[in-house]
Amino acid sequence: MIDRQARNLPLDAHLHTDLSPDSDVPIDAYAEQAVERGIDEIAITDHVDFEPGTPAYAATTFGERECVVRTAAERWGPRGVAIRFGVELTYDRRFEADLREHVRRHPYDFVIGSVHVYRSSPYAGDRVAGFVAGRSLREVVAPYFDEAGGNEMGRQAAMLYSLAYAFMNIGAFAVVMMMMGVDHILMYER
């Protein structure tokens, strides 16, 4: 049997705890596994949604999430695990101003910007199918490159978006975006 569990990583930056609607794992379980596997740093990135009715809309408060993570960081730091406070924000253009304001107001160590598909999502299968019908991949992603403009960061963000688009047909995906001073760009695919 092959052991597929990650070991000796410098960082695992996409973990959801029991404060996220898609997980029932307590933060201490992740910290304990990090010690066992030689992972020096973890980032807790529970979901926050801005669309009423979606799973992580008002699931918990910023204060509760921050308290749980920062308290665990104090508990586990002496045992060799740095625990960072992060968030996974569901991106939807309709809430872009709210997303930016949320990131500006709150002191996160990591921010994951994700595109999740839900019933009213602009990325729901029927909406995407209509948009991409008869178009090449280049035609589909060109508007994102144009919108990003000519700067390098814009091109990188557009490239991440186009890669995410390519994964749309194989299930859920998340793209970490650079937003308002957050300087970590990662791509994670389940």
Protein backbone atom coordinates (compact mmCIF):
# COMPACT_ATOMS: atom_id res chain seq x y z
CA MET A 1 0.00 0.00 0.00
CA ILE A 2 1.29 3.44 -0.93
CA ASP A 3 1.24 6.11 1.79
CA ARG A 4 -0.21 9.17 0.04
CA GLN A 5 -0.15 11.43 3.10
CA ALA A 6 2.02 14.50 2.76
CA ARG A 7 5.12 14.53 4.92
CA ASN A 8 7.93 17.00 5.60
CA LEU A 9 6.22 19.86 3.80
CA PRO A 10 7.13 23.43 4.66
CA LEU A 11 3.44 24.44 4.57
CA ASP A 12 -0.09 23.14 4.09
CA ALA A 13 -2.16 26.25 3.31
CA HIS A 14 -5.65 24.93 2.54
CA LEU A 15 -7.29 23.41 5.59
CA HIS A 16 -10.93 23.69 6.69
CA THR A 17 -11.96 23.10 10.31
CA ASP A 18 -15.29 22.41 11.94
CA LEU A 19 -15.99 26.14 11.63
CA SER A 20 -16.41 25.63 7.89
CA PRO A 21 -19.60 23.99 6.57
CA ASP A 22 -17.61 21.41 4.59
CA SER A 23 -15.54 20.01 7.45
CA ASP A 24 -15.97 18.46 10.86
CA VAL A 25 -12.24 18.34 11.70
CA PRO A 26 -11.17 20.23 14.84
CA ILE A 27 -8.13 22.46 14.47
CA ASP A 28 -6.14 20.40 17.00
CA ALA A 29 -6.47 17.31 14.79
CA TYR A 30 -4.72 19.17 11.96
CA ALA A 31 -2.01 20.45 14.30
CA GLU A 32 -1.43 16.96 15.69
CA GLN A 33 -1.14 15.52 12.18
CA ALA A 34 1.28 18.28 11.24
CA VAL A 35 3.54 17.30 14.17
CA GLU A 36 3.32 13.60 13.21
CA ARG A 37 4.11 14.31 9.54
CA GLY A 38 6.83 16.90 10.03
CA ILE A 39 4.83 19.77 8.53
CA ASP A 40 6.16 23.00 10.03
CA GLU A 41 3.33 25.36 9.15
CA ILE A 42 -0.38 25.11 8.44
CA ALA A 43 -2.93 27.73 7.42
CA ILE A 44 -6.56 27.40 8.43
CA THR A 45 -8.65 28.74 5.56
CA ASP A 46 -12.30 28.20 6.49
CA HIS A 47 -14.93 29.30 3.98
CA VAL A 48 -16.66 32.67 3.92
CA ASP A 49 -19.41 33.28 1.35
CA PHE A 50 -21.16 36.55 0.54
CA GLU A 51 -24.16 35.07 -1.30
CA PRO A 52 -27.12 34.63 1.10
CA GLY A 53 -28.22 31.00 1.17
CA THR A 54 -24.82 29.53 0.29
CA PRO A 55 -23.25 27.14 2.82
CA ALA A 56 -20.66 29.50 4.32
CA TYR A 57 -22.81 32.63 4.40
CA ALA A 58 -22.87 33.70 8.07
CA ALA A 59 -21.77 30.19 9.14
CA THR A 60 -19.60 31.76 11.83
CA THR A 61 -18.06 35.13 12.63
CA PHE A 62 -14.65 36.56 11.87
CA GLY A 63 -14.06 36.96 15.61
CA GLU A 64 -14.83 33.32 16.39
CA ARG A 65 -12.62 32.03 13.57
CA GLU A 66 -9.75 34.32 14.52
CA CYS A 67 -9.98 33.40 18.21
CA VAL A 68 -9.96 29.64 17.49
CA VAL A 69 -6.98 29.88 15.12
CA ARG A 70 -4.87 32.35 17.12
CA THR A 71 -5.47 30.41 20.37
CA ALA A 72 -4.46 27.16 18.66
CA ALA A 73 -1.36 28.89 17.28
CA GLU A 74 -0.31 29.77 20.83
CA ARG A 75 -0.95 26.20 21.99
CA TRP A 76 0.88 24.47 19.14
CA GLY A 77 3.73 26.91 18.48
CA PRO A 78 5.90 25.48 21.29
CA ARG A 79 5.39 22.01 19.76
CA GLY A 80 6.85 23.13 16.44
CA VAL A 81 3.79 23.96 14.36
CA ALA A 82 3.13 27.50 13.18
CA ILE A 83 -0.60 27.98 12.59
CA ARG A 84 -1.63 30.83 10.29
CA PHE A 85 -5.04 32.45 10.09
CA GLY A 86 -6.55 32.45 6.63
CA VAL A 87 -9.81 32.39 4.76
CA GLU A 88 -11.25 30.95 1.56
CA LEU A 89 -13.51 33.56 -0.02
CA THR A 90 -15.95 32.54 -2.72
CA TYR A 91 -15.44 34.94 -5.59
CA ASP A 92 -18.48 36.31 -7.34
CA ARG A 93 -18.17 39.55 -9.30
CA ARG A 94 -21.45 40.78 -7.77
CA PHE A 95 -19.74 40.88 -4.36
CA GLU A 96 -16.29 42.08 -5.42
CA ALA A 97 -16.51 45.32 -3.43
CA ASP A 98 -17.56 43.35 -0.32
CA LEU A 99 -14.71 40.88 -0.82
CA ARG A 100 -12.13 43.62 -1.14
CA GLU A 101 -13.48 45.43 1.90
CA HIS A 102 -13.48 42.20 3.92
CA VAL A 103 -9.83 41.52 3.05
CA ARG A 104 -8.88 45.14 3.76
CA ARG A 105 -10.57 45.11 7.19
CA HIS A 106 -9.38 41.75 8.47
CA PRO A 107 -5.79 40.73 9.31
CA TYR A 108 -5.46 37.41 7.47
CA ASP A 109 -2.14 35.67 6.89
CA PHE A 110 -3.51 33.85 3.80
CA VAL A 111 -6.43 34.50 1.49
CA ILE A 112 -7.71 31.96 -1.00
CA GLY A 113 -10.06 33.33 -3.62
CA SER A 114 -12.21 30.50 -4.94
CA VAL A 115 -14.82 30.00 -7.57
CA HIS A 116 -17.46 27.61 -6.29
CA VAL A 117 -20.39 26.43 -8.32
CA TYR A 118 -23.79 26.78 -6.67
CA ARG A 119 -27.30 27.17 -8.08
CA SER A 120 -27.20 30.93 -8.69
CA SER A 121 -23.48 31.03 -9.45
CA PRO A 122 -22.38 32.66 -12.69
CA TYR A 123 -20.26 29.50 -13.09
CA ALA A 124 -23.19 27.06 -12.96
CA GLY A 125 -22.93 24.53 -15.76
CA ASP A 126 -25.84 25.82 -17.83
CA ARG A 127 -24.51 29.40 -17.76
CA VAL A 128 -20.96 28.40 -18.61
CA ALA A 129 -22.12 26.08 -21.38
CA GLY A 130 -23.97 28.93 -23.07
CA PHE A 131 -20.98 31.25 -22.77
CA VAL A 132 -18.39 28.83 -24.17
CA ALA A 133 -20.49 27.17 -26.89
CA GLY A 134 -18.71 27.35 -30.23
CA ARG A 135 -15.70 29.26 -28.84
CA SER A 136 -12.08 28.21 -28.61
CA LEU A 137 -10.30 28.29 -25.24
CA ARG A 138 -8.40 31.36 -26.47
CA GLU A 139 -11.68 33.18 -27.18
CA VAL A 140 -13.11 32.19 -23.80
CA VAL A 141 -10.15 33.40 -21.73
CA ALA A 142 -9.22 36.48 -23.83
CA PRO A 143 -11.57 38.83 -21.93
CA TYR A 144 -9.80 37.98 -18.66
CA PHE A 145 -6.41 38.83 -20.13
CA ASP A 146 -7.82 42.06 -21.57
CA GLU A 147 -9.43 43.00 -18.24
CA ALA A 148 -6.22 42.26 -16.33
CA GLY A 149 -4.36 44.81 -18.41
CA GLY A 150 -0.73 44.92 -19.33
CA ASN A 151 0.96 44.56 -15.95
CA GLU A 152 2.71 41.37 -14.89
CA MET A 153 0.49 40.75 -11.87
CA GLY A 154 -2.57 41.10 -14.09
CA ARG A 155 -1.18 38.61 -16.61
CA GLN A 156 -0.41 36.14 -13.80
CA ALA A 157 -3.93 36.48 -12.38
CA ALA A 158 -5.42 36.01 -15.84
CA MET A 159 -3.28 32.92 -16.41
CA LEU A 160 -4.47 31.46 -13.11
CA TYR A 161 -8.03 32.12 -14.14
CA SER A 162 -7.56 30.44 -17.49
CA LEU A 163 -6.00 27.41 -15.79
CA ALA A 164 -8.96 27.28 -13.41
CA TYR A 165 -11.31 27.40 -16.39
CA ALA A 166 -9.57 24.34 -17.77
CA PHE A 167 -10.37 22.44 -14.56
CA MET A 168 -14.06 23.35 -14.59
CA ASN A 169 -15.10 20.09 -16.20
CA ILE A 170 -13.40 17.86 -13.60
CA GLY A 171 -15.02 19.13 -10.41
CA ALA A 172 -14.51 21.70 -7.71
CA PHE A 173 -11.48 23.91 -7.87
CA ALA A 174 -10.03 26.89 -6.13
CA VAL A 175 -7.66 29.52 -7.35
CA VAL A 176 -5.69 31.56 -4.92
CA MET A 177 -5.64 35.15 -6.07
CA MET A 178 -3.51 38.05 -5.08
CA MET A 179 -5.78 40.56 -3.36
CA MET A 180 -4.94 43.79 -1.63
CA GLY A 181 -1.52 43.05 -0.17
CA VAL A 182 -1.84 39.28 0.16
CA ASP A 183 1.41 38.08 -1.36
CA HIS A 184 0.84 34.33 -1.61
CA ILE A 185 -0.31 32.88 -4.92
CA LEU A 186 -1.03 29.16 -4.97
CA MET A 187 -3.23 26.94 -7.03
CA TYR A 188 -5.10 24.07 -5.45
CA GLU A 189 -7.16 21.51 -7.27
CA ARG A 190 -9.17 18.69 -5.68
